[in-house]
């Protein structure tokens, strides 16, 4: 169930990126990288990935609360699957 949830959240992240074309290129690239890493994540994901997603959630909290919420959901899901 968590794997399906994570896939849905990746889709939500990609949609949130599409909904915010005003993101600067660096932020957009960082979030795209997270989406790619999540998509390519195997059984052994790096624990740093969760930290990276959490840091981005904090970064976007004030200006992009919807995007930050999606990132926090991803962090929660990663925690449930042991990453």
PDB file of N, CA and C in Angstrom:
ATOM      1  N   UNK A   1       0.818  -1.198   0.000  1.00  0.00           N
ATOM      2  CA  UNK A   1       0.000   0.000   0.000  1.00  0.00           C
ATOM      3  C   UNK A   1       0.859   1.258   0.000  1.00  0.00           C
ATOM      4  N   UNK A   2       1.937   1.277   0.749  1.00  0.00           N
ATOM      5  CA  UNK A   2       2.803   2.450   0.804  1.00  0.00           C
ATOM      6  C   UNK A   2       3.461   2.720  -0.542  1.00  0.00           C
ATOM      7  N   UNK A   3       3.761   1.644  -1.292  1.00  0.00           N
ATOM      8  CA  UNK A   3       4.380   1.832  -2.601  1.00  0.00           C
ATOM      9  C   UNK A   3       3.412   2.527  -3.557  1.00  0.00           C
ATOM     10  N   UNK A   4       2.141   2.110  -3.537  1.00  0.00           N
ATOM     11  CA  UNK A   4       1.130   2.773  -4.359  1.00  0.00           C
ATOM     12  C   UNK A   4       0.934   4.211  -3.916  1.00  0.00           C
ATOM     13  N   UNK A   5       0.945   4.416  -2.623  1.00  0.00           N
ATOM     14  CA  UNK A   5       0.809   5.761  -2.078  1.00  0.00           C
ATOM     15  C   UNK A   5       1.959   6.642  -2.549  1.00  0.00           C
ATOM     16  N   UNK A   6       3.164   6.090  -2.525  1.00  0.00           N
ATOM     17  CA  UNK A   6       4.332   6.850  -2.964  1.00  0.00           C
ATOM     18  C   UNK A   6       4.222   7.191  -4.451  1.00  0.00           C
ATOM     19  N   UNK A   7       3.776   6.250  -5.256  1.00  0.00           N
ATOM     20  CA  UNK A   7       3.607   6.508  -6.688  1.00  0.00           C
ATOM     21  C   UNK A   7       2.586   7.622  -6.913  1.00  0.00           C
ATOM     22  N   UNK A   8       1.490   7.582  -6.159  1.00  0.00           N
ATOM     23  CA  UNK A   8       0.488   8.644  -6.272  1.00  0.00           C
ATOM     24  C   UNK A   8       1.063   9.990  -5.851  1.00  0.00           C
ATOM     25  N   UNK A   9       1.888   9.989  -4.830  1.00  0.00           N
ATOM     26  CA  UNK A   9       2.487  11.240  -4.360  1.00  0.00           C
ATOM     27  C   UNK A   9       3.512  11.779  -5.354  1.00  0.00           C
ATOM     28  N   UNK A  10       4.196  10.890  -6.055  1.00  0.00           N
ATOM     29  CA  UNK A  10       5.117  11.337  -7.104  1.00  0.00           C
ATOM     30  C   UNK A  10       4.322  12.033  -8.205  1.00  0.00           C
ATOM     31  N   UNK A  11       3.172  11.460  -8.549  1.00  0.00           N
ATOM     32  CA  UNK A  11       2.302  12.082  -9.550  1.00  0.00           C
ATOM     33  C   UNK A  11       1.829  13.446  -9.052  1.00  0.00           C
ATOM     34  N   UNK A  12       1.466  13.523  -7.766  1.00  0.00           N
ATOM     35  CA  UNK A  12       1.047  14.802  -7.186  1.00  0.00           C
ATOM     36  C   UNK A  12       2.182  15.817  -7.223  1.00  0.00           C
ATOM     37  N   UNK A  13       3.404  15.369  -6.957  1.00  0.00           N
ATOM     38  CA  UNK A  13       4.557  16.259  -6.999  1.00  0.00           C
ATOM     39  C   UNK A  13       4.755  16.784  -8.417  1.00  0.00           C
ATOM     40  N   UNK A  14       4.674  15.913  -9.397  1.00  0.00           N
ATOM     41  CA  UNK A  14       4.834  16.344 -10.783  1.00  0.00           C
ATOM     42  C   UNK A  14       3.727  17.311 -11.185  1.00  0.00           C
ATOM     43  N   UNK A  15       2.514  17.070 -10.714  1.00  0.00           N
ATOM     44  CA  UNK A  15       1.406  17.982 -11.008  1.00  0.00           C
ATOM     45  C   UNK A  15       1.631  19.334 -10.326  1.00  0.00           C
ATOM     46  N   UNK A  16       2.106  19.302  -9.079  1.00  0.00           N
ATOM     47  CA  UNK A  16       2.381  20.548  -8.359  1.00  0.00           C
ATOM     48  C   UNK A  16       3.464  21.346  -9.066  1.00  0.00           C
ATOM     49  N   UNK A  17       4.453  20.664  -9.606  1.00  0.00           N
ATOM     50  CA  UNK A  17       5.490  21.358 -10.376  1.00  0.00           C
ATOM     51  C   UNK A  17       4.892  22.014 -11.615  1.00  0.00           C
ATOM     52  N   UNK A  18       4.004  21.310 -12.286  1.00  0.00           N
ATOM     53  CA  UNK A  18       3.350  21.862 -13.467  1.00  0.00           C
ATOM     54  C   UNK A  18       2.462  23.055 -13.102  1.00  0.00           C
ATOM     55  N   UNK A  19       1.887  23.025 -11.905  1.00  0.00           N
ATOM     56  CA  UNK A  19       0.999  24.094 -11.452  1.00  0.00           C
ATOM     57  C   UNK A  19       1.757  25.345 -11.007  1.00  0.00           C
ATOM     58  N   UNK A  20       3.074  25.228 -10.862  1.00  0.00           N
ATOM     59  CA  UNK A  20       3.877  26.361 -10.379  1.00  0.00           C
ATOM     60  C   UNK A  20       5.010  26.677 -11.351  1.00  0.00           C
ATOM     61  N   UNK A  21       4.660  27.183 -12.535  1.00  0.00           N
ATOM     62  CA  UNK A  21       5.709  27.509 -13.507  1.00  0.00           C
ATOM     63  C   UNK A  21       6.588  28.679 -13.050  1.00  0.00           C
ATOM     64  N   UNK A  22       6.165  29.376 -12.004  1.00  0.00           N
ATOM     65  CA  UNK A  22       6.926  30.507 -11.497  1.00  0.00           C
ATOM     66  C   UNK A  22       8.089  30.099 -10.596  1.00  0.00           C
ATOM     67  N   UNK A  23       8.260  28.803 -10.357  1.00  0.00           N
ATOM     68  CA  UNK A  23       9.408  28.340  -9.567  1.00  0.00           C
ATOM     69  C   UNK A  23      10.694  28.689 -10.296  1.00  0.00           C
ATOM     70  N   UNK A  24      11.698  29.079  -9.542  1.00  0.00           N
ATOM     71  CA  UNK A  24      12.981  29.351 -10.182  1.00  0.00           C
ATOM     72  C   UNK A  24      13.582  28.045 -10.695  1.00  0.00           C
ATOM     73  N   UNK A  25      14.478  28.167 -11.652  1.00  0.00           N
ATOM     74  CA  UNK A  25      15.043  26.997 -12.332  1.00  0.00           C
ATOM     75  C   UNK A  25      15.741  26.053 -11.358  1.00  0.00           C
ATOM     76  N   UNK A  26      16.435  26.582 -10.378  1.00  0.00           N
ATOM     77  CA  UNK A  26      17.157  25.748  -9.408  1.00  0.00           C
ATOM     78  C   UNK A  26      16.197  24.919  -8.557  1.00  0.00           C
ATOM     79  N   UNK A  27      15.134  25.546  -8.079  1.00  0.00           N
ATOM     80  CA  UNK A  27      14.140  24.832  -7.274  1.00  0.00           C
ATOM     81  C   UNK A  27      13.424  23.785  -8.112  1.00  0.00           C
ATOM     82  N   UNK A  28      13.070  24.153  -9.322  1.00  0.00           N
ATOM     83  CA  UNK A  28      12.391  23.213 -10.207  1.00  0.00           C
ATOM     84  C   UNK A  28      13.279  22.001 -10.480  1.00  0.00           C
ATOM     85  N   UNK A  29      14.555  22.246 -10.738  1.00  0.00           N
ATOM     86  CA  UNK A  29      15.494  21.144 -11.001  1.00  0.00           C
ATOM     87  C   UNK A  29      15.651  20.251  -9.773  1.00  0.00           C
ATOM     88  N   UNK A  30      15.711  20.846  -8.583  1.00  0.00           N
ATOM     89  CA  UNK A  30      15.857  20.057  -7.352  1.00  0.00           C
ATOM     90  C   UNK A  30      14.641  19.161  -7.136  1.00  0.00           C
ATOM     91  N   UNK A  31      13.461  19.692  -7.381  1.00  0.00           N
ATOM     92  CA  UNK A  31      12.247  18.905  -7.199  1.00  0.00           C
ATOM     93  C   UNK A  31      12.105  17.826  -8.276  1.00  0.00           C
ATOM     94  N   UNK A  32      12.528  18.147  -9.484  1.00  0.00           N
ATOM     95  CA  UNK A  32      12.514  17.131 -10.543  1.00  0.00           C
ATOM     96  C   UNK A  32      13.464  15.994 -10.184  1.00  0.00           C
ATOM     97  N   UNK A  33      14.617  16.346  -9.627  1.00  0.00           N
ATOM     98  CA  UNK A  33      15.592  15.330  -9.220  1.00  0.00           C
ATOM     99  C   UNK A  33      14.994  14.424  -8.145  1.00  0.00           C
ATOM    100  N   UNK A  34      14.286  15.016  -7.192  1.00  0.00           N
ATOM    101  CA  UNK A  34      13.626  14.232  -6.148  1.00  0.00           C
ATOM    102  C   UNK A  34      12.615  13.279  -6.782  1.00  0.00           C
ATOM    103  N   UNK A  35      11.813  13.783  -7.720  1.00  0.00           N
ATOM    104  CA  UNK A  35      10.813  12.941  -8.377  1.00  0.00           C
ATOM    105  C   UNK A  35      11.476  11.778  -9.106  1.00  0.00           C
ATOM    106  N   UNK A  36      12.575  12.047  -9.790  1.00  0.00           N
ATOM    107  CA  UNK A  36      13.291  10.987 -10.517  1.00  0.00           C
ATOM    108  C   UNK A  36      13.867   9.968  -9.534  1.00  0.00           C
ATOM    109  N   UNK A  37      14.474  10.452  -8.460  1.00  0.00           N
ATOM    110  CA  UNK A  37      15.049   9.540  -7.468  1.00  0.00           C
ATOM    111  C   UNK A  37      13.973   8.683  -6.809  1.00  0.00           C
ATOM    112  N   UNK A  38      12.826   9.275  -6.540  1.00  0.00           N
ATOM    113  CA  UNK A  38      11.723   8.508  -5.955  1.00  0.00           C
ATOM    114  C   UNK A  38      11.218   7.458  -6.947  1.00  0.00           C
ATOM    115  N   UNK A  39      11.116   7.850  -8.201  1.00  0.00           N
ATOM    116  CA  UNK A  39      10.668   6.914  -9.233  1.00  0.00           C
ATOM    117  C   UNK A  39      11.637   5.758  -9.406  1.00  0.00           C
ATOM    118  N   UNK A  40      12.924   6.035  -9.290  1.00  0.00           N
ATOM    119  CA  UNK A  40      13.952   5.018  -9.501  1.00  0.00           C
ATOM    120  C   UNK A  40      14.325   4.281  -8.224  1.00  0.00           C
ATOM    121  N   UNK A  41      13.681   4.646  -7.134  1.00  0.00           N
ATOM    122  CA  UNK A  41      14.019   4.081  -5.837  1.00  0.00           C
ATOM    123  C   UNK A  41      13.751   2.580  -5.826  1.00  0.00           C
ATOM    124  N   UNK A  42      14.736   1.832  -5.431  1.00  0.00           N
ATOM    125  CA  UNK A  42      14.570   0.393  -5.307  1.00  0.00           C
ATOM    126  C   UNK A  42      14.271   0.027  -3.876  1.00  0.00           C
ATOM    127  N   UNK A  43      14.512  -1.186  -3.545  1.00  0.00           N
ATOM    128  CA  UNK A  43      14.282  -1.682  -2.195  1.00  0.00           C
ATOM    129  C   UNK A  43      15.191  -0.953  -1.219  1.00  0.00           C
ATOM    130  N   UNK A  44      16.398  -0.631  -1.669  1.00  0.00           N
ATOM    131  CA  UNK A  44      17.367   0.027  -0.788  1.00  0.00           C
ATOM    132  C   UNK A  44      17.506   1.489  -1.167  1.00  0.00           C
ATOM    133  N   UNK A  45      16.668   2.312  -0.649  1.00  0.00           N
ATOM    134  CA  UNK A  45      16.736   3.745  -0.904  1.00  0.00           C
ATOM    135  C   UNK A  45      17.692   4.384   0.089  1.00  0.00           C
ATOM    136  N   UNK A  46      18.285   5.457  -0.322  1.00  0.00           N
ATOM    137  CA  UNK A  46      19.209   6.179   0.544  1.00  0.00           C
ATOM    138  C   UNK A  46      18.440   6.973   1.601  1.00  0.00           C
ATOM    139  N   UNK A  47      18.870   6.886   2.855  1.00  0.00           N
ATOM    140  CA  UNK A  47      18.184   7.647   3.914  1.00  0.00           C
ATOM    141  C   UNK A  47      18.264   9.159   3.687  1.00  0.00           C
ATOM    142  N   UNK A  48      19.277   9.598   2.951  1.00  0.00           N
ATOM    143  CA  UNK A  48      19.428  11.029   2.689  1.00  0.00           C
ATOM    144  C   UNK A  48      18.272  11.568   1.851  1.00  0.00           C
ATOM    145  N   UNK A  49      17.633  10.690   1.095  1.00  0.00           N
ATOM    146  CA  UNK A  49      16.522  11.126   0.254  1.00  0.00           C
ATOM    147  C   UNK A  49      15.405  11.717   1.100  1.00  0.00           C
ATOM    148  N   UNK A  50      15.075  11.081   2.192  1.00  0.00           N
ATOM    149  CA  UNK A  50      14.042  11.594   3.083  1.00  0.00           C
ATOM    150  C   UNK A  50      14.437  12.958   3.647  1.00  0.00           C
ATOM    151  N   UNK A  51      15.702  13.100   4.023  1.00  0.00           N
ATOM    152  CA  UNK A  51      16.195  14.382   4.539  1.00  0.00           C
ATOM    153  C   UNK A  51      16.110  15.472   3.475  1.00  0.00           C
ATOM    154  N   UNK A  52      16.450  15.114   2.244  1.00  0.00           N
ATOM    155  CA  UNK A  52      16.394  16.072   1.141  1.00  0.00           C
ATOM    156  C   UNK A  52      14.960  16.531   0.887  1.00  0.00           C
ATOM    157  N   UNK A  53      14.035  15.590   0.890  1.00  0.00           N
ATOM    158  CA  UNK A  53      12.629  15.932   0.665  1.00  0.00           C
ATOM    159  C   UNK A  53      12.124  16.816   1.807  1.00  0.00           C
ATOM    160  N   UNK A  54      12.492  16.489   3.041  1.00  0.00           N
ATOM    161  CA  UNK A  54      12.084  17.292   4.201  1.00  0.00           C
ATOM    162  C   UNK A  54      12.628  18.713   4.101  1.00  0.00           C
ATOM    163  N   UNK A  55      13.880  18.846   3.691  1.00  0.00           N
ATOM    164  CA  UNK A  55      14.483  20.174   3.551  1.00  0.00           C
ATOM    165  C   UNK A  55      13.750  20.995   2.492  1.00  0.00           C
ATOM    166  N   UNK A  56      13.381  20.356   1.402  1.00  0.00           N
ATOM    167  CA  UNK A  56      12.645  21.067   0.357  1.00  0.00           C
ATOM    168  C   UNK A  56      11.252  21.459   0.844  1.00  0.00           C
ATOM    169  N   UNK A  57      10.612  20.606   1.635  1.00  0.00           N
ATOM    170  CA  UNK A  57       9.298  20.943   2.185  1.00  0.00           C
ATOM    171  C   UNK A  57       9.386  22.203   3.044  1.00  0.00           C
ATOM    172  N   UNK A  58      10.407  22.277   3.861  1.00  0.00           N
ATOM    173  CA  UNK A  58      10.598  23.466   4.696  1.00  0.00           C
ATOM    174  C   UNK A  58      10.886  24.698   3.849  1.00  0.00           C
ATOM    175  N   UNK A  59      11.657  24.508   2.800  1.00  0.00           N
ATOM    176  CA  UNK A  59      12.027  25.613   1.909  1.00  0.00           C
ATOM    177  C   UNK A  59      10.796  26.234   1.241  1.00  0.00           C
ATOM    178  N   UNK A  60       9.833  25.397   0.851  1.00  0.00           N
ATOM    179  CA  UNK A  60       8.674  25.878   0.112  1.00  0.00           C
ATOM    180  C   UNK A  60       7.467  26.183   0.982  1.00  0.00           C
ATOM    181  N   UNK A  61       7.578  25.994   2.276  1.00  0.00           N
ATOM    182  CA  UNK A  61       6.438  26.114   3.195  1.00  0.00           C
ATOM    183  C   UNK A  61       5.686  27.435   3.056  1.00  0.00           C
ATOM    184  N   UNK A  62       6.389  28.529   3.029  1.00  0.00           N
ATOM    185  CA  UNK A  62       5.715  29.828   3.038  1.00  0.00           C
ATOM    186  C   UNK A  62       5.175  30.220   1.664  1.00  0.00           C
ATOM    187  N   UNK A  63       5.968  30.061   0.625  1.00  0.00           N
ATOM    188  CA  UNK A  63       5.561  30.535  -0.692  1.00  0.00           C
ATOM    189  C   UNK A  63       4.701  29.540  -1.476  1.00  0.00           C
ATOM    190  N   UNK A  64       4.895  28.250  -1.213  1.00  0.00           N
ATOM    191  CA  UNK A  64       4.182  27.210  -1.951  1.00  0.00           C
ATOM    192  C   UNK A  64       3.659  26.143  -0.990  1.00  0.00           C
ATOM    193  N   UNK A  65       2.654  26.485  -0.180  1.00  0.00           N
ATOM    194  CA  UNK A  65       2.184  25.542   0.839  1.00  0.00           C
ATOM    195  C   UNK A  65       1.636  24.229   0.272  1.00  0.00           C
ATOM    196  N   UNK A  66       1.020  24.276  -0.901  1.00  0.00           N
ATOM    197  CA  UNK A  66       0.499  23.043  -1.497  1.00  0.00           C
ATOM    198  C   UNK A  66       1.645  22.119  -1.875  1.00  0.00           C
ATOM    199  N   UNK A  67       2.661  22.659  -2.464  1.00  0.00           N
ATOM    200  CA  UNK A  67       3.842  21.890  -2.839  1.00  0.00           C
ATOM    201  C   UNK A  67       4.526  21.336  -1.592  1.00  0.00           C
ATOM    202  N   UNK A  68       4.631  22.141  -0.557  1.00  0.00           N
ATOM    203  CA  UNK A  68       5.235  21.695   0.696  1.00  0.00           C
ATOM    204  C   UNK A  68       4.430  20.553   1.313  1.00  0.00           C
ATOM    205  N   UNK A  69       3.108  20.624   1.216  1.00  0.00           N
ATOM    206  CA  UNK A  69       2.259  19.563   1.766  1.00  0.00           C
ATOM    207  C   UNK A  69       2.500  18.241   1.038  1.00  0.00           C
ATOM    208  N   UNK A  70       2.644  18.290  -0.279  1.00  0.00           N
ATOM    209  CA  UNK A  70       2.925  17.073  -1.045  1.00  0.00           C
ATOM    210  C   UNK A  70       4.268  16.493  -0.604  1.00  0.00           C
ATOM    211  N   UNK A  71       5.254  17.353  -0.430  1.00  0.00           N
ATOM    212  CA  UNK A  71       6.579  16.889  -0.003  1.00  0.00           C
ATOM    213  C   UNK A  71       6.529  16.269   1.393  1.00  0.00           C
ATOM    214  N   UNK A  72       5.748  16.858   2.304  1.00  0.00           N
ATOM    215  CA  UNK A  72       5.615  16.287   3.653  1.00  0.00           C
ATOM    216  C   UNK A  72       4.940  14.917   3.605  1.00  0.00           C
ATOM    217  N   UNK A  73       3.960  14.762   2.719  1.00  0.00           N
ATOM    218  CA  UNK A  73       3.313  13.453   2.566  1.00  0.00           C
ATOM    219  C   UNK A  73       4.327  12.414   2.077  1.00  0.00           C
ATOM    220  N   UNK A  74       5.193  12.837   1.186  1.00  0.00           N
ATOM    221  CA  UNK A  74       6.223  11.923   0.683  1.00  0.00           C
ATOM    222  C   UNK A  74       7.161  11.526   1.807  1.00  0.00           C
ATOM    223  N   UNK A  75       7.558  12.482   2.645  1.00  0.00           N
ATOM    224  CA  UNK A  75       8.426  12.178   3.791  1.00  0.00           C
ATOM    225  C   UNK A  75       7.741  11.172   4.706  1.00  0.00           C
ATOM    226  N   UNK A  76       6.465  11.370   4.977  1.00  0.00           N
ATOM    227  CA  UNK A  76       5.717  10.431   5.824  1.00  0.00           C
ATOM    228  C   UNK A  76       5.706   9.025   5.216  1.00  0.00           C
ATOM    229  N   UNK A  77       5.459   8.961   3.932  1.00  0.00           N
ATOM    230  CA  UNK A  77       5.418   7.657   3.261  1.00  0.00           C
ATOM    231  C   UNK A  77       6.790   7.002   3.282  1.00  0.00           C
ATOM    232  N   UNK A  78       7.824   7.774   3.027  1.00  0.00           N
ATOM    233  CA  UNK A  78       9.176   7.219   3.089  1.00  0.00           C
ATOM    234  C   UNK A  78       9.461   6.664   4.479  1.00  0.00           C
ATOM    235  N   UNK A  79       9.009   7.361   5.501  1.00  0.00           N
ATOM    236  CA  UNK A  79       9.192   6.878   6.868  1.00  0.00           C
ATOM    237  C   UNK A  79       8.466   5.568   7.114  1.00  0.00           C
ATOM    238  N   UNK A  80       7.261   5.437   6.553  1.00  0.00           N
ATOM    239  CA  UNK A  80       6.496   4.206   6.728  1.00  0.00           C
ATOM    240  C   UNK A  80       7.122   3.019   6.015  1.00  0.00           C
ATOM    241  N   UNK A  81       7.864   3.280   4.935  1.00  0.00           N
ATOM    242  CA  UNK A  81       8.491   2.159   4.244  1.00  0.00           C
ATOM    243  C   UNK A  81       9.946   1.971   4.673  1.00  0.00           C
ATOM    244  N   UNK A  82      10.341   2.741   5.681  1.00  0.00           N
ATOM    245  CA  UNK A  82      11.652   2.518   6.284  1.00  0.00           C
ATOM    246  C   UNK A  82      12.814   3.256   5.653  1.00  0.00           C
ATOM    247  N   UNK A  83      12.525   4.344   4.963  1.00  0.00           N
ATOM    248  CA  UNK A  83      13.614   5.120   4.349  1.00  0.00           C
ATOM    249  C   UNK A  83      13.897   6.324   5.209  1.00  0.00           C
TER     250      UNK A  83
END
